[in-house]
């Protein structure tokens, strides 16, 4: 099968996707964008805060680890 048929199929699909306009639920979109009063991120952050405080963000190479052990 040649490239022409494959390209025609891709063009057809692309055109359908380009001009397809689904019904948009603007109320649901507004709810999603405004969010709720309850912040989920702060709950997660507070739950794991004790572990984050212990982490050291510096990178130690293998040579430096050997020197620290000696």
N, C-alpha and C. Protein backbone atom coordinates (compact mmCIF):
# COMPACT_ATOMS: atom_id res chain seq x y z
N UNK A 1 0.85 -1.17 0.00
CA UNK A 1 0.00 0.00 0.00
C UNK A 1 0.89 1.23 0.00
N UNK A 2 0.54 2.18 -0.79
CA UNK A 2 1.35 3.37 -0.92
C UNK A 2 1.10 4.39 0.17
N UNK A 3 1.89 5.41 0.14
CA UNK A 3 1.81 6.48 1.14
C UNK A 3 0.55 7.32 0.95
N UNK A 4 0.01 7.36 -0.25
CA UNK A 4 -1.15 8.21 -0.54
C UNK A 4 -2.38 7.85 0.28
N UNK A 5 -2.68 6.57 0.39
CA UNK A 5 -3.87 6.16 1.14
C UNK A 5 -3.70 6.45 2.63
N UNK A 6 -2.52 6.19 3.14
CA UNK A 6 -2.24 6.45 4.55
C UNK A 6 -2.35 7.94 4.85
N UNK A 7 -1.79 8.75 3.99
CA UNK A 7 -1.84 10.20 4.20
C UNK A 7 -3.28 10.69 4.12
N UNK A 8 -4.06 10.14 3.21
CA UNK A 8 -5.46 10.54 3.08
C UNK A 8 -6.23 10.22 4.36
N UNK A 9 -5.96 9.06 4.95
CA UNK A 9 -6.63 8.69 6.20
C UNK A 9 -6.25 9.64 7.33
N UNK A 10 -4.98 9.96 7.42
CA UNK A 10 -4.52 10.88 8.46
C UNK A 10 -5.12 12.27 8.26
N UNK A 11 -5.20 12.70 7.03
CA UNK A 11 -5.79 14.00 6.73
C UNK A 11 -7.26 14.03 7.11
N UNK A 12 -7.96 12.95 6.83
CA UNK A 12 -9.38 12.86 7.17
C UNK A 12 -9.57 12.95 8.69
N UNK A 13 -8.77 12.19 9.43
CA UNK A 13 -8.88 12.19 10.89
C UNK A 13 -8.52 13.57 11.46
N UNK A 14 -7.47 14.17 10.93
CA UNK A 14 -7.06 15.49 11.40
C UNK A 14 -8.14 16.53 11.14
N UNK A 15 -8.77 16.46 9.99
CA UNK A 15 -9.83 17.40 9.64
C UNK A 15 -11.04 17.22 10.57
N UNK A 16 -11.38 15.96 10.87
CA UNK A 16 -12.49 15.70 11.78
C UNK A 16 -12.21 16.25 13.17
N UNK A 17 -10.98 16.07 13.64
CA UNK A 17 -10.63 16.58 14.95
C UNK A 17 -10.60 18.11 14.98
N UNK A 18 -10.15 18.71 13.90
CA UNK A 18 -10.03 20.16 13.84
C UNK A 18 -11.40 20.83 13.90
N UNK A 19 -12.35 20.28 13.21
CA UNK A 19 -13.66 20.93 13.12
C UNK A 19 -14.69 20.34 14.06
N UNK A 20 -14.29 19.40 14.90
CA UNK A 20 -15.21 18.81 15.86
C UNK A 20 -15.37 19.76 17.03
N UNK A 21 -16.59 20.09 17.39
CA UNK A 21 -16.82 20.98 18.53
C UNK A 21 -17.84 20.32 19.47
N UNK A 22 -17.35 19.69 20.52
CA UNK A 22 -18.27 19.04 21.45
C UNK A 22 -19.04 20.09 22.27
N UNK A 23 -20.14 19.66 22.83
CA UNK A 23 -20.90 20.56 23.70
C UNK A 23 -20.09 20.80 24.97
N UNK A 24 -19.86 22.05 25.29
CA UNK A 24 -19.04 22.39 26.44
C UNK A 24 -19.93 22.69 27.63
N UNK A 25 -19.63 22.07 28.75
CA UNK A 25 -20.35 22.32 29.99
C UNK A 25 -19.60 23.43 30.73
N UNK A 26 -20.05 24.65 30.53
CA UNK A 26 -19.35 25.80 31.11
C UNK A 26 -19.47 25.84 32.63
N UNK A 27 -20.54 25.31 33.17
CA UNK A 27 -20.68 25.28 34.63
C UNK A 27 -19.64 24.35 35.25
N UNK A 28 -19.44 23.19 34.64
CA UNK A 28 -18.42 22.27 35.14
C UNK A 28 -17.02 22.87 34.98
N UNK A 29 -16.79 23.55 33.89
CA UNK A 29 -15.50 24.21 33.68
C UNK A 29 -15.26 25.28 34.73
N UNK A 30 -16.27 26.05 35.05
CA UNK A 30 -16.14 27.09 36.06
C UNK A 30 -15.83 26.49 37.43
N UNK A 31 -16.52 25.40 37.77
CA UNK A 31 -16.25 24.73 39.05
C UNK A 31 -14.82 24.23 39.11
N UNK A 32 -14.34 23.67 38.01
CA UNK A 32 -12.99 23.14 37.98
C UNK A 32 -11.94 24.24 38.10
N UNK A 33 -12.18 25.36 37.43
CA UNK A 33 -11.19 26.44 37.44
C UNK A 33 -11.19 27.23 38.74
N UNK A 34 -12.35 27.42 39.34
CA UNK A 34 -12.40 28.18 40.59
C UNK A 34 -11.93 27.34 41.76
N UNK A 35 -12.10 26.04 41.69
CA UNK A 35 -11.65 25.17 42.76
C UNK A 35 -12.56 25.28 43.96
N UNK A 36 -12.22 24.52 44.96
CA UNK A 36 -13.01 24.55 46.18
C UNK A 36 -12.31 25.39 47.24
N UNK A 37 -12.99 25.62 48.33
CA UNK A 37 -12.41 26.38 49.43
C UNK A 37 -11.34 25.57 50.14
N UNK A 38 -11.44 24.26 50.03
CA UNK A 38 -10.52 23.37 50.69
C UNK A 38 -9.31 23.13 49.78
N UNK A 39 -8.13 23.40 50.26
CA UNK A 39 -6.91 23.25 49.47
C UNK A 39 -6.30 21.87 49.71
N UNK A 40 -6.36 21.01 48.72
CA UNK A 40 -5.85 19.65 48.85
C UNK A 40 -4.33 19.62 48.99
N UNK A 41 -3.65 20.55 48.35
CA UNK A 41 -2.18 20.55 48.40
C UNK A 41 -1.68 20.83 49.81
N UNK A 42 -2.30 21.76 50.51
CA UNK A 42 -1.83 22.09 51.85
C UNK A 42 -2.01 20.92 52.80
N UNK A 43 -3.07 20.13 52.61
CA UNK A 43 -3.26 18.93 53.44
C UNK A 43 -2.14 17.94 53.21
N UNK A 44 -1.82 17.69 51.95
CA UNK A 44 -0.74 16.76 51.62
C UNK A 44 0.60 17.28 52.12
N UNK A 45 0.83 18.57 51.94
CA UNK A 45 2.10 19.16 52.36
C UNK A 45 2.28 19.05 53.87
N UNK A 46 1.21 19.30 54.63
CA UNK A 46 1.33 19.23 56.08
C UNK A 46 1.52 17.79 56.54
N UNK A 47 0.93 16.84 55.83
CA UNK A 47 1.07 15.43 56.19
C UNK A 47 2.51 14.96 56.04
N UNK A 48 3.22 15.46 55.03
CA UNK A 48 4.58 15.00 54.75
C UNK A 48 5.65 16.01 55.15
N UNK A 49 5.29 17.07 55.86
CA UNK A 49 6.23 18.13 56.19
C UNK A 49 7.40 17.64 57.04
N UNK A 50 7.13 16.73 57.97
CA UNK A 50 8.21 16.25 58.84
C UNK A 50 9.29 15.53 58.05
N UNK A 51 8.91 14.84 56.97
CA UNK A 51 9.89 14.15 56.14
C UNK A 51 10.65 15.11 55.25
N UNK A 52 9.98 16.14 54.79
CA UNK A 52 10.64 17.12 53.92
C UNK A 52 11.69 17.90 54.69
N UNK A 53 11.47 18.14 55.96
CA UNK A 53 12.43 18.88 56.77
C UNK A 53 13.71 18.08 56.96
N UNK A 54 13.59 16.74 56.97
CA UNK A 54 14.76 15.90 57.17
C UNK A 54 15.62 15.76 55.92
N UNK A 55 15.02 15.95 54.76
CA UNK A 55 15.75 15.76 53.51
C UNK A 55 16.80 16.83 53.32
N UNK A 56 17.95 16.40 52.84
CA UNK A 56 19.00 17.33 52.48
C UNK A 56 19.07 17.33 50.97
N UNK A 57 18.89 18.48 50.35
CA UNK A 57 18.82 18.56 48.90
C UNK A 57 20.18 18.57 48.21
N UNK A 58 21.25 18.49 48.96
CA UNK A 58 22.56 18.51 48.32
C UNK A 58 22.87 17.15 47.75
N UNK A 59 23.61 17.13 46.68
CA UNK A 59 23.99 15.90 45.99
C UNK A 59 25.41 15.53 46.41
N UNK A 60 25.58 14.31 46.84
CA UNK A 60 26.89 13.84 47.27
C UNK A 60 27.33 12.76 46.30
N UNK A 61 28.53 12.92 45.75
CA UNK A 61 29.06 11.93 44.81
C UNK A 61 29.58 10.72 45.57
N UNK A 62 29.87 9.67 44.85
CA UNK A 62 30.40 8.45 45.46
C UNK A 62 31.72 8.66 46.16
N UNK A 63 32.60 9.49 45.57
CA UNK A 63 33.89 9.76 46.19
C UNK A 63 33.71 10.48 47.52
N UNK A 64 32.79 11.45 47.56
CA UNK A 64 32.55 12.19 48.79
C UNK A 64 31.96 11.29 49.86
N UNK A 65 31.13 10.31 49.47
CA UNK A 65 30.57 9.37 50.44
C UNK A 65 31.67 8.53 51.05
N UNK A 66 32.62 8.07 50.23
CA UNK A 66 33.73 7.27 50.74
C UNK A 66 34.59 8.08 51.72
N UNK A 67 34.79 9.36 51.40
CA UNK A 67 35.58 10.22 52.28
C UNK A 67 34.87 10.43 53.62
N UNK A 68 33.53 10.54 53.57
CA UNK A 68 32.77 10.76 54.81
C UNK A 68 32.82 9.52 55.70
N UNK A 69 32.84 8.33 55.09
CA UNK A 69 32.87 7.09 55.86
C UNK A 69 34.24 6.86 56.51
N UNK A 70 35.30 7.35 55.86
CA UNK A 70 36.66 7.10 56.35
C UNK A 70 37.00 7.93 57.56
